[in-house]
C-alpha cells in the first residue's frame, strides 16, 4: 500500500476513534490500529509509543509513592500494574502518539519545544474530567488550577520533556502532515463539547490553548515546508 494512502487511512481511523472517545475501549482500540498502520512507514512512532508508556509508568510509580514529580494523589481506576492503572499507562502512549503526529516531520528543536507543551495542554483537558469521575484524587499542595495542583502540570512537562529527549529524533522526511494538527485539536475540543456544566470553564481554557498551539504549529509547519521548496 502506498505511503500516502496508509497515512490517510491511519488519519481516518484515529479521527473516528477520537469522535467515539466516550467509549474508552473503542478509542484505545482504534488509536492502536491507527498507530500500527502508520508505524509501517514511521518506526519512530512505534518507538515513541512504547517509550512513552515505559517512562510514563516509571514516573507514575514514583509519583504514587513519593509525590514526585506530579504531587500527591491516589488512583481508583483498576486494573493496575504495581499500583498504576493499565489505562493510565496506555494513555501515556496514546497521548504521546496524538501529540507527536503533527510534529513528526519537524526538525528536532521544534519537537523538543512543542511536544511537552502539547502533552500538558491535553492533560489540562483530561485531568478535570477524571478527577470529577473519581478515577483519581488529588491532595492539596498549595497552588492549584481548578482543584488540580500546578505541580501535576509541571510534572507532565518534565516527564514529556524526558520522553522527547529520549525518543524524538530529527526527521528524514519532508512531507508535511497538516491534517494531524486537526486530530490534536479535536482531541481537546471533544472534551469541551461533552463537558459537564461544572467543567466547562477549565475545559474551555484548555481547548483555547489547544487551538492557539495548533495555529502556531500550522504557521511553523507551513514555514518549514516553504523553506524546503
Protein backbone atom coordinates (compact mmCIF):
# COMPACT_ATOMS: atom_id res chain seq x y z
CA UNK A 1 0.00 0.00 0.00
CA UNK A 2 1.27 3.48 -0.86
CA UNK A 3 2.60 5.58 1.99
CA UNK A 4 0.12 8.44 1.45
CA UNK A 5 -2.87 6.07 1.35
CA UNK A 6 -1.70 4.32 4.51
CA UNK A 7 -1.28 7.61 6.36
CA UNK A 8 -4.72 8.75 5.16
CA UNK A 9 -6.34 5.54 6.42
CA UNK A 10 -4.48 5.92 9.72
CA UNK A 11 -5.72 9.51 10.00
CA UNK A 12 -9.35 8.50 9.35
CA UNK A 13 -9.23 5.65 11.88
CA UNK A 14 -7.73 7.94 14.53
CA UNK A 15 -10.34 10.60 13.76
CA UNK A 16 -13.18 8.09 14.23
CA UNK A 17 -11.57 6.91 17.48
CA UNK A 18 -11.43 10.47 18.80
CA UNK A 19 -15.07 11.09 17.85
CA UNK A 20 -16.06 7.88 19.68
CA UNK A 21 -13.85 8.65 22.67
CA UNK A 22 -16.83 8.36 25.02
CA UNK A 23 -16.43 4.60 24.62
CA UNK A 24 -12.94 4.21 26.05
CA UNK A 25 -12.28 0.72 24.68
CA UNK A 26 -13.16 1.78 21.13
CA UNK A 27 -10.97 4.87 21.36
CA UNK A 28 -7.94 2.91 22.56
CA UNK A 29 -8.53 0.15 20.02
CA UNK A 30 -8.87 2.46 17.02
CA UNK A 31 -5.92 4.57 18.18
CA UNK A 32 -3.76 1.44 18.35
CA UNK A 33 -4.87 0.32 14.87
CA UNK A 34 -4.03 3.79 13.55
CA UNK A 35 -0.63 3.66 15.25
CA UNK A 36 0.21 0.21 13.88
CA UNK A 37 -0.66 1.26 10.32
CA UNK A 38 1.37 4.46 10.34
CA UNK A 39 4.27 2.69 12.10
CA UNK A 40 4.72 0.55 8.99
CA UNK A 41 6.36 3.63 7.48
CA UNK A 42 7.31 5.55 10.62
CA UNK A 43 9.20 3.32 13.06
CA UNK A 44 9.95 6.37 15.21
CA UNK A 45 6.26 6.49 16.17
CA UNK A 46 6.31 2.87 17.35
CA UNK A 47 9.40 3.55 19.48
CA UNK A 48 7.85 6.71 20.90
CA UNK A 49 4.64 4.91 21.87
CA UNK A 50 6.35 2.18 23.87
CA UNK A 51 8.99 4.54 25.22
CA UNK A 52 6.32 6.95 26.46
CA UNK A 53 4.46 4.13 28.21
CA UNK A 54 7.65 2.93 29.89
CA UNK A 55 8.75 6.39 31.03
CA UNK A 56 5.21 7.39 32.00
CA UNK A 57 4.78 4.19 34.04
CA UNK A 58 8.13 4.73 35.78
CA UNK A 59 7.26 8.26 36.84
CA UNK A 60 3.71 7.25 37.84
CA UNK A 61 5.15 4.52 40.03
CA UNK A 62 7.48 7.08 41.59
CA UNK A 63 4.65 9.59 41.92
CA UNK A 64 2.15 7.42 43.79
CA UNK A 65 4.78 6.57 46.41
CA UNK A 66 6.64 9.87 46.77
CA UNK A 67 4.53 12.63 45.19
CA UNK A 68 7.39 13.38 42.78
CA UNK A 69 7.04 14.92 40.21
CA UNK A 70 3.24 15.35 39.99
CA UNK A 71 2.19 15.89 43.59
CA UNK A 72 0.34 13.56 45.98
CA UNK A 73 -2.58 11.56 44.60
CA UNK A 74 -4.28 8.16 44.75
CA UNK A 75 -5.88 6.08 41.99
CA UNK A 76 -9.28 4.39 41.91
CA UNK A 77 -9.08 3.09 38.36
CA UNK A 78 -8.48 -0.70 38.19
CA UNK A 79 -6.94 -2.86 36.83
CA UNK A 80 -3.43 -1.96 37.95
CA UNK A 81 0.19 -2.84 37.33
CA UNK A 82 2.15 -2.21 40.55
CA UNK A 83 -0.47 0.32 41.61
CA UNK A 84 -0.61 2.19 38.29
CA UNK A 85 -3.83 1.81 36.24
CA UNK A 86 -3.30 0.00 32.94
CA UNK A 87 -5.39 2.63 31.16
CA UNK A 88 -3.10 5.37 32.53
CA UNK A 89 -0.05 3.56 31.18
CA UNK A 90 -1.75 3.22 27.78
CA UNK A 91 -2.79 6.87 27.94
CA UNK A 92 0.83 7.98 28.16
CA UNK A 93 1.47 6.17 24.90
CA UNK A 94 -1.70 7.29 23.11
CA UNK A 95 -1.47 10.94 24.17
CA UNK A 96 2.18 10.97 23.13
CA UNK A 97 1.15 9.50 19.77
CA UNK A 98 -1.55 12.12 19.18
CA UNK A 99 0.78 14.95 20.25
CA UNK A 100 3.68 13.70 18.13
CA UNK A 101 1.82 13.21 14.84
CA UNK A 102 1.65 16.94 13.96
CA UNK A 103 5.38 17.21 14.80
CA UNK A 104 6.72 14.10 13.13
CA UNK A 105 8.34 15.94 10.21
CA UNK A 106 9.56 18.91 12.24
CA UNK A 107 13.27 19.50 12.96
CA UNK A 108 14.27 18.11 16.36
CA UNK A 109 14.47 21.50 18.09
CA UNK A 110 10.81 22.18 17.35
CA UNK A 111 9.81 18.72 18.55
CA UNK A 112 11.53 19.28 21.90
CA UNK A 113 9.91 22.72 22.25
CA UNK A 114 6.35 21.82 21.30
CA UNK A 115 5.89 18.20 22.38
CA UNK A 116 5.93 18.78 26.19
CA UNK A 117 3.61 21.78 25.85
CA UNK A 118 1.14 19.80 23.74
CA UNK A 119 1.15 16.98 26.27
CA UNK A 120 0.44 19.37 29.16
CA UNK A 121 -2.44 21.00 27.27
CA UNK A 122 -4.10 17.63 26.68
CA UNK A 123 -3.71 16.77 30.35
CA UNK A 124 -5.45 20.04 31.20
CA UNK A 125 -8.50 18.61 29.40
CA UNK A 126 -8.24 15.05 30.71
CA UNK A 127 -7.42 15.61 34.38
CA UNK A 128 -10.51 17.65 35.40
CA UNK A 129 -12.79 15.00 33.85
CA UNK A 130 -11.06 12.07 35.52
CA UNK A 131 -10.98 13.82 38.91
CA UNK A 132 -14.68 14.63 38.67
CA UNK A 133 -15.35 10.97 37.81
CA UNK A 134 -13.32 9.98 40.91
CA UNK A 135 -10.81 7.90 38.95
CA UNK A 136 -8.11 9.60 40.97
CA UNK A 137 -7.93 12.03 43.87
CA UNK A 138 -5.51 14.89 44.43
CA UNK A 139 -4.34 16.05 47.82
CA UNK A 140 -3.98 19.78 48.29
CA UNK A 141 -0.46 21.07 47.82
CA UNK A 142 -0.85 24.83 47.63
CA UNK A 143 -1.15 26.41 44.20
CA UNK A 144 -3.98 24.80 42.22
CA UNK A 145 -5.82 25.08 38.90
CA UNK A 146 -9.49 24.20 39.44
CA UNK A 147 -8.61 21.80 42.24
CA UNK A 148 -5.63 20.23 40.47
CA UNK A 149 -2.16 21.00 41.84
CA UNK A 150 0.00 23.01 39.46
CA UNK A 151 2.76 20.53 40.31
CA UNK A 152 0.81 17.98 38.23
CA UNK A 153 1.27 20.04 35.07
CA UNK A 154 4.89 20.78 35.90
CA UNK A 155 5.34 17.03 36.32
CA UNK A 156 3.69 16.35 32.96
CA UNK A 157 6.00 18.87 31.33
CA UNK A 158 9.10 17.30 32.91
CA UNK A 159 8.10 13.72 32.01
CA UNK A 160 7.13 14.74 28.46
CA UNK A 161 10.45 16.54 28.08
CA UNK A 162 12.25 13.36 29.17
CA UNK A 163 10.25 11.43 26.56
CA UNK A 164 11.10 13.94 23.84
CA UNK A 165 14.81 13.97 24.67
CA UNK A 166 14.90 10.17 24.85
CA UNK A 167 12.92 9.14 21.78
CA UNK A 168 12.37 12.06 19.40
CA UNK A 169 14.87 12.32 16.58
CA UNK A 170 15.40 14.59 13.61
CA UNK A 171 13.12 13.53 10.76
CA UNK A 172 14.39 12.40 7.39
CA UNK A 173 11.02 13.05 5.83
CA UNK A 174 9.88 16.16 4.01
CA UNK A 175 6.14 15.57 3.54
CA UNK A 176 4.12 17.82 5.83
CA UNK A 177 1.07 16.33 7.51
CA UNK A 178 -1.14 19.31 8.31
CA UNK A 179 -4.11 17.00 8.86
CA UNK A 180 -2.75 15.67 12.16
CA UNK A 181 -2.99 19.16 13.65
CA UNK A 182 -6.73 18.62 13.23
CA UNK A 183 -6.74 15.38 15.23
CA UNK A 184 -4.74 17.02 18.01
CA UNK A 185 -7.17 19.94 18.30
CA UNK A 186 -10.27 17.74 18.02
CA UNK A 187 -8.97 15.51 20.80
CA UNK A 188 -9.13 18.52 23.12
CA UNK A 189 -12.28 20.02 21.61
CA UNK A 190 -14.45 16.94 22.07
CA UNK A 191 -13.85 17.08 25.85
CA UNK A 192 -15.32 20.59 25.81
CA UNK A 193 -18.27 19.63 23.60
CA UNK A 194 -19.39 16.93 26.03
CA UNK A 195 -18.32 18.74 29.21
CA UNK A 196 -20.43 18.74 32.33
CA UNK A 197 -21.52 22.29 33.30
CA UNK A 198 -19.08 22.45 36.22
CA UNK A 199 -16.17 21.59 33.90
CA UNK A 200 -17.00 24.00 31.09
CA UNK A 201 -14.65 26.80 32.16
CA UNK A 202 -11.47 24.73 32.73
CA UNK A 203 -12.09 22.74 29.54
CA UNK A 204 -12.73 25.94 27.61
CA UNK A 205 -9.37 27.26 28.80
CA UNK A 206 -7.62 24.00 27.83
CA UNK A 207 -9.30 23.90 24.41
CA UNK A 208 -8.38 27.53 23.78
CA UNK A 209 -4.74 26.71 24.48
CA UNK A 210 -5.00 23.69 22.18
CA UNK A 211 -6.39 25.96 19.46
CA UNK A 212 -3.62 28.51 19.92
CA UNK A 213 -0.82 25.95 19.78
CA UNK A 214 -2.48 24.30 16.75
CA UNK A 215 -2.43 27.63 14.90
CA UNK A 216 1.20 28.15 15.88
CA UNK A 217 2.06 24.66 14.64
CA UNK A 218 0.30 25.32 11.34
CA UNK A 219 2.28 28.54 10.84
CA UNK A 220 5.59 26.89 11.77
CA UNK A 221 4.92 23.84 9.62
CA UNK A 222 3.94 25.99 6.65
CA UNK A 223 7.14 27.99 7.02
CA UNK A 224 9.26 24.83 7.21
CA UNK A 225 7.50 23.43 4.15
CA UNK A 226 8.09 26.62 2.16
CA UNK A 227 11.79 26.64 3.08
CA UNK A 228 12.14 23.11 1.72
CA UNK A 229 10.90 24.10 -1.74
